[in-house]
């Protein structure tokens, strides 16, 4: 009889970590950014020396509400047999679209 009363609580205790793990493991999809103002010219940023197991993702301009802000470069963990394509702005007519950085296989 005690087991029957503890079972719902035990189920809840087991489901919480599983739900949290599923939430953390879910892919996050970048939203599309469309701007009618061209980004400023790229800033020169010296790439650091090569780092085994990582690819350098150069800095870029990111739209932040009412204007562009500079995001400095950072290291991306290497994906096996992949090539890093940095994020970039692409003009299409009067609009500018942000293409998120990604790995090509």
N, C-alpha and C. Protein backbone atom coordinates (compact mmCIF):
# COMPACT_ATOMS: atom_id res chain seq x y z
N UNK A 1 0.80 -1.20 0.00
CA UNK A 1 0.00 0.00 0.00
C UNK A 1 0.84 1.27 0.00
N UNK A 2 1.95 1.25 0.69
CA UNK A 2 2.84 2.40 0.71
C UNK A 2 3.39 2.69 -0.68
N UNK A 3 3.70 1.63 -1.41
CA UNK A 3 4.24 1.79 -2.76
C UNK A 3 3.25 2.50 -3.67
N UNK A 4 1.97 2.20 -3.54
CA UNK A 4 0.95 2.83 -4.37
C UNK A 4 0.89 4.34 -4.11
N UNK A 5 1.14 4.76 -2.88
CA UNK A 5 1.11 6.19 -2.58
C UNK A 5 2.38 6.89 -3.04
N UNK A 6 3.51 6.20 -3.06
CA UNK A 6 4.79 6.80 -3.45
C UNK A 6 4.99 6.83 -4.97
N UNK A 7 4.28 6.00 -5.68
CA UNK A 7 4.48 5.90 -7.12
C UNK A 7 4.25 7.21 -7.88
N UNK A 8 3.18 7.96 -7.63
CA UNK A 8 3.02 9.24 -8.35
C UNK A 8 4.16 10.22 -8.07
N UNK A 9 4.62 10.25 -6.85
CA UNK A 9 5.73 11.16 -6.50
C UNK A 9 7.03 10.70 -7.19
N UNK A 10 7.26 9.41 -7.22
CA UNK A 10 8.44 8.87 -7.87
C UNK A 10 8.41 9.17 -9.37
N UNK A 11 7.23 9.03 -9.99
CA UNK A 11 7.08 9.35 -11.41
C UNK A 11 7.43 10.81 -11.67
N UNK A 12 6.92 11.69 -10.82
CA UNK A 12 7.20 13.12 -10.97
C UNK A 12 8.69 13.39 -10.83
N UNK A 13 9.33 12.79 -9.87
CA UNK A 13 10.76 12.99 -9.66
C UNK A 13 11.58 12.50 -10.85
N UNK A 14 11.13 11.47 -11.52
CA UNK A 14 11.82 10.95 -12.69
C UNK A 14 11.53 11.78 -13.95
N UNK A 15 10.33 12.30 -14.05
CA UNK A 15 9.95 13.05 -15.25
C UNK A 15 10.58 14.44 -15.31
N UNK A 16 10.81 15.06 -14.18
CA UNK A 16 11.39 16.41 -14.18
C UNK A 16 12.75 16.43 -14.85
N UNK A 17 13.71 15.58 -14.47
CA UNK A 17 15.01 15.61 -15.17
C UNK A 17 14.89 15.24 -16.66
N UNK A 18 13.98 14.32 -17.00
CA UNK A 18 13.80 13.96 -18.40
C UNK A 18 13.26 15.14 -19.21
N UNK A 19 12.29 15.85 -18.66
CA UNK A 19 11.74 17.01 -19.36
C UNK A 19 12.80 18.09 -19.51
N UNK A 20 13.59 18.31 -18.49
CA UNK A 20 14.65 19.32 -18.53
C UNK A 20 15.68 18.95 -19.60
N UNK A 21 16.06 17.69 -19.65
CA UNK A 21 17.03 17.22 -20.65
C UNK A 21 16.48 17.40 -22.06
N UNK A 22 15.21 17.11 -22.27
CA UNK A 22 14.60 17.28 -23.59
C UNK A 22 14.60 18.75 -23.98
N UNK A 23 14.32 19.63 -23.03
CA UNK A 23 14.30 21.05 -23.31
C UNK A 23 15.68 21.56 -23.68
N UNK A 24 16.70 21.15 -22.94
CA UNK A 24 18.07 21.58 -23.20
C UNK A 24 18.56 21.02 -24.53
N UNK A 25 18.18 19.80 -24.86
CA UNK A 25 18.66 19.16 -26.08
C UNK A 25 17.92 19.58 -27.34
N UNK A 26 16.86 20.36 -27.20
CA UNK A 26 16.11 20.80 -28.38
C UNK A 26 16.91 21.80 -29.18
N UNK A 27 16.88 21.68 -30.52
CA UNK A 27 17.61 22.65 -31.33
C UNK A 27 16.96 24.03 -31.24
N UNK A 28 17.79 25.04 -31.26
CA UNK A 28 17.30 26.41 -31.26
C UNK A 28 17.46 26.94 -32.67
N UNK A 29 16.37 27.37 -33.25
CA UNK A 29 16.40 27.87 -34.61
C UNK A 29 16.50 29.38 -34.60
N UNK A 30 17.44 29.89 -35.38
CA UNK A 30 17.63 31.34 -35.47
C UNK A 30 16.47 31.93 -36.25
N UNK A 31 16.01 33.07 -35.80
CA UNK A 31 14.95 33.71 -36.54
C UNK A 31 15.54 34.52 -37.69
N UNK A 32 14.75 34.71 -38.72
CA UNK A 32 15.20 35.47 -39.87
C UNK A 32 15.21 36.95 -39.53
N UNK A 33 16.31 37.62 -39.86
CA UNK A 33 16.43 39.06 -39.63
C UNK A 33 16.45 39.73 -40.99
N UNK A 34 15.52 40.65 -41.19
CA UNK A 34 15.43 41.40 -42.45
C UNK A 34 15.51 42.88 -42.10
N UNK A 35 16.49 43.57 -42.66
CA UNK A 35 16.73 44.98 -42.36
C UNK A 35 16.77 45.76 -43.67
N UNK A 36 16.34 47.00 -43.64
CA UNK A 36 16.40 47.82 -44.85
C UNK A 36 17.60 48.76 -44.83
N UNK A 37 18.45 48.64 -43.84
CA UNK A 37 19.65 49.48 -43.73
C UNK A 37 20.88 48.60 -43.89
N UNK A 38 21.75 48.94 -44.82
CA UNK A 38 22.96 48.14 -45.08
C UNK A 38 23.86 48.13 -43.84
N UNK A 39 24.54 47.01 -43.58
CA UNK A 39 25.47 46.99 -42.45
C UNK A 39 26.69 47.85 -42.73
N UNK A 40 27.34 48.35 -41.68
CA UNK A 40 28.58 49.11 -41.89
C UNK A 40 29.66 48.21 -42.50
N UNK A 41 30.74 48.81 -43.01
CA UNK A 41 31.83 47.98 -43.55
C UNK A 41 32.40 47.07 -42.46
N UNK A 42 32.89 45.91 -42.89
CA UNK A 42 33.49 44.96 -41.93
C UNK A 42 34.66 45.61 -41.23
N UNK A 43 34.84 45.31 -39.97
CA UNK A 43 36.00 45.77 -39.22
C UNK A 43 37.13 44.78 -39.44
N UNK A 44 38.36 45.31 -39.43
CA UNK A 44 39.51 44.40 -39.50
C UNK A 44 39.68 43.78 -38.13
N UNK A 45 39.81 42.49 -38.11
CA UNK A 45 40.00 41.77 -36.86
C UNK A 45 41.06 40.70 -37.13
N UNK A 46 42.19 40.82 -36.50
CA UNK A 46 43.26 39.85 -36.71
C UNK A 46 42.83 38.50 -36.13
N UNK A 47 42.88 37.47 -36.98
CA UNK A 47 42.54 36.13 -36.51
C UNK A 47 43.68 35.60 -35.65
N UNK A 48 43.36 35.03 -34.51
CA UNK A 48 44.41 34.47 -33.66
C UNK A 48 45.05 33.24 -34.30
N UNK A 49 46.14 32.78 -33.71
CA UNK A 49 46.81 31.58 -34.21
C UNK A 49 45.85 30.39 -34.16
N UNK A 50 46.06 29.46 -35.10
CA UNK A 50 45.20 28.28 -35.18
C UNK A 50 45.13 27.56 -33.84
N UNK A 51 43.97 26.99 -33.56
CA UNK A 51 43.74 26.27 -32.31
C UNK A 51 43.18 24.90 -32.67
N UNK A 52 43.90 23.82 -32.35
CA UNK A 52 43.45 22.48 -32.73
C UNK A 52 42.03 22.18 -32.20
N UNK A 53 41.19 21.67 -33.09
CA UNK A 53 39.83 21.30 -32.70
C UNK A 53 38.83 22.44 -32.80
N UNK A 54 39.28 23.62 -33.27
CA UNK A 54 38.39 24.78 -33.35
C UNK A 54 38.59 25.53 -34.67
N UNK A 55 37.53 26.17 -35.11
CA UNK A 55 37.59 27.03 -36.30
C UNK A 55 37.27 28.46 -35.84
N UNK A 56 37.98 29.44 -36.38
CA UNK A 56 37.75 30.84 -36.01
C UNK A 56 36.54 31.38 -36.76
N UNK A 57 35.59 31.90 -36.02
CA UNK A 57 34.41 32.54 -36.60
C UNK A 57 34.63 34.05 -36.47
N UNK A 58 34.88 34.70 -37.59
CA UNK A 58 35.23 36.12 -37.56
C UNK A 58 34.09 36.97 -36.99
N UNK A 59 34.44 38.17 -36.56
CA UNK A 59 33.44 39.10 -36.05
C UNK A 59 32.50 39.56 -37.14
N UNK A 60 31.35 40.09 -36.72
CA UNK A 60 30.36 40.55 -37.69
C UNK A 60 29.44 41.59 -37.05
N UNK A 61 28.71 42.28 -37.88
CA UNK A 61 27.71 43.23 -37.41
C UNK A 61 26.39 42.49 -37.19
N UNK A 62 25.78 42.72 -36.03
CA UNK A 62 24.47 42.13 -35.71
C UNK A 62 23.49 43.27 -35.50
N UNK A 63 22.28 43.09 -36.02
CA UNK A 63 21.24 44.09 -35.83
C UNK A 63 20.73 43.99 -34.40
N UNK A 64 20.65 45.12 -33.73
CA UNK A 64 20.21 45.14 -32.33
C UNK A 64 19.14 46.21 -32.15
N UNK A 65 17.94 45.92 -32.58
CA UNK A 65 16.82 46.83 -32.39
C UNK A 65 16.77 48.01 -33.33
N UNK A 66 17.64 49.00 -33.11
CA UNK A 66 17.61 50.21 -33.92
C UNK A 66 18.91 50.47 -34.66
N UNK A 67 19.85 49.58 -34.54
CA UNK A 67 21.12 49.79 -35.21
C UNK A 67 22.00 48.55 -35.12
N UNK A 68 23.16 48.64 -35.76
CA UNK A 68 24.10 47.54 -35.77
C UNK A 68 25.07 47.64 -34.59
N UNK A 69 25.43 46.50 -34.04
CA UNK A 69 26.47 46.42 -33.01
C UNK A 69 27.49 45.39 -33.47
N UNK A 70 28.74 45.61 -33.13
CA UNK A 70 29.81 44.69 -33.53
C UNK A 70 29.88 43.52 -32.56
N UNK A 71 29.92 42.31 -33.11
CA UNK A 71 30.09 41.09 -32.33
C UNK A 71 31.48 40.57 -32.65
N UNK A 72 32.39 40.53 -31.65
CA UNK A 72 33.75 40.07 -31.93
C UNK A 72 33.80 38.59 -32.32
N UNK A 73 34.86 38.22 -33.02
CA UNK A 73 35.05 36.83 -33.43
C UNK A 73 35.19 35.91 -32.23
N UNK A 74 34.98 34.62 -32.47
CA UNK A 74 35.09 33.62 -31.40
C UNK A 74 35.42 32.26 -32.03
N UNK A 75 35.80 31.32 -31.19
CA UNK A 75 36.13 29.97 -31.65
C UNK A 75 34.88 29.11 -31.71
N UNK A 76 34.77 28.31 -32.78
CA UNK A 76 33.69 27.34 -32.95
C UNK A 76 34.31 25.95 -32.86
N UNK A 77 33.76 25.05 -32.04
CA UNK A 77 34.27 23.68 -32.04
C UNK A 77 34.10 23.06 -33.43
N UNK A 78 35.12 22.38 -33.90
CA UNK A 78 35.10 21.81 -35.25
C UNK A 78 34.13 20.64 -35.32
N UNK A 79 33.38 20.60 -36.41
CA UNK A 79 32.53 19.46 -36.71
C UNK A 79 33.32 18.57 -37.67
N UNK A 80 33.42 17.30 -37.35
CA UNK A 80 34.20 16.40 -38.19
C UNK A 80 33.73 16.44 -39.63
N UNK A 81 34.68 16.51 -40.53
CA UNK A 81 34.44 16.55 -41.97
C UNK A 81 33.53 17.72 -42.37
N UNK A 82 33.60 18.81 -41.65
CA UNK A 82 32.78 19.96 -41.97
C UNK A 82 33.63 21.19 -42.24
N UNK A 83 33.05 22.13 -42.94
CA UNK A 83 33.72 23.40 -43.22
C UNK A 83 32.83 24.51 -42.68
N UNK A 84 33.40 25.40 -41.87
CA UNK A 84 32.64 26.48 -41.27
C UNK A 84 32.38 27.59 -42.30
N UNK A 85 31.11 27.96 -42.45
CA UNK A 85 30.71 29.08 -43.30
C UNK A 85 30.26 30.19 -42.35
N UNK A 86 31.02 31.29 -42.27
CA UNK A 86 30.66 32.35 -41.31
C UNK A 86 29.33 33.01 -41.65
N UNK A 87 28.66 33.50 -40.63
CA UNK A 87 27.43 34.26 -40.83
C UNK A 87 27.73 35.51 -41.64
N UNK A 88 26.77 35.97 -42.41
CA UNK A 88 26.99 37.16 -43.24
C UNK A 88 25.66 37.79 -43.64
N UNK A 89 25.73 39.06 -44.00
CA UNK A 89 24.57 39.78 -44.50
C UNK A 89 24.50 39.62 -46.01
N UNK A 90 23.29 39.44 -46.52
CA UNK A 90 23.10 39.27 -47.95
C UNK A 90 22.02 40.26 -48.42
N UNK A 91 22.35 41.03 -49.47
CA UNK A 91 21.39 42.00 -50.01
C UNK A 91 20.45 41.30 -50.98
N UNK A 92 19.17 41.59 -50.84
CA UNK A 92 18.15 41.11 -51.78
C UNK A 92 17.21 42.28 -52.01
N UNK A 93 17.40 42.95 -53.14
CA UNK A 93 16.61 44.15 -53.41
C UNK A 93 16.97 45.23 -52.39
N UNK A 94 15.98 45.88 -51.79
CA UNK A 94 16.27 46.94 -50.81
C UNK A 94 16.52 46.39 -49.41
N UNK A 95 16.37 45.07 -49.21
CA UNK A 95 16.49 44.47 -47.89
C UNK A 95 17.81 43.74 -47.69
N UNK A 96 18.21 43.63 -46.44
CA UNK A 96 19.41 42.88 -46.05
C UNK A 96 18.97 41.74 -45.14
N UNK A 97 19.43 40.54 -45.46
CA UNK A 97 19.07 39.33 -44.71
C UNK A 97 20.31 38.79 -44.01
N UNK A 98 20.15 38.38 -42.76
CA UNK A 98 21.25 37.75 -42.03
C UNK A 98 21.21 36.25 -42.29
N UNK A 99 22.33 35.71 -42.79
CA UNK A 99 22.49 34.28 -43.00
C UNK A 99 23.37 33.78 -41.86
N UNK A 100 22.82 32.95 -41.00
CA UNK A 100 23.53 32.46 -39.82
C UNK A 100 24.72 31.60 -40.23
N UNK A 101 25.81 31.66 -39.46
CA UNK A 101 26.96 30.79 -39.70
C UNK A 101 26.54 29.33 -39.53
N UNK A 102 27.18 28.45 -40.31
CA UNK A 102 26.80 27.04 -40.24
C UNK A 102 27.93 26.15 -40.77
N UNK A 103 27.82 24.88 -40.51
CA UNK A 103 28.79 23.90 -40.99
C UNK A 103 28.29 23.26 -42.27
N UNK A 104 29.17 23.15 -43.26
CA UNK A 104 28.89 22.43 -44.51
C UNK A 104 29.57 21.08 -44.45
N UNK A 105 28.90 20.06 -44.90
CA UNK A 105 29.52 18.73 -44.93
C UNK A 105 29.82 18.36 -46.35
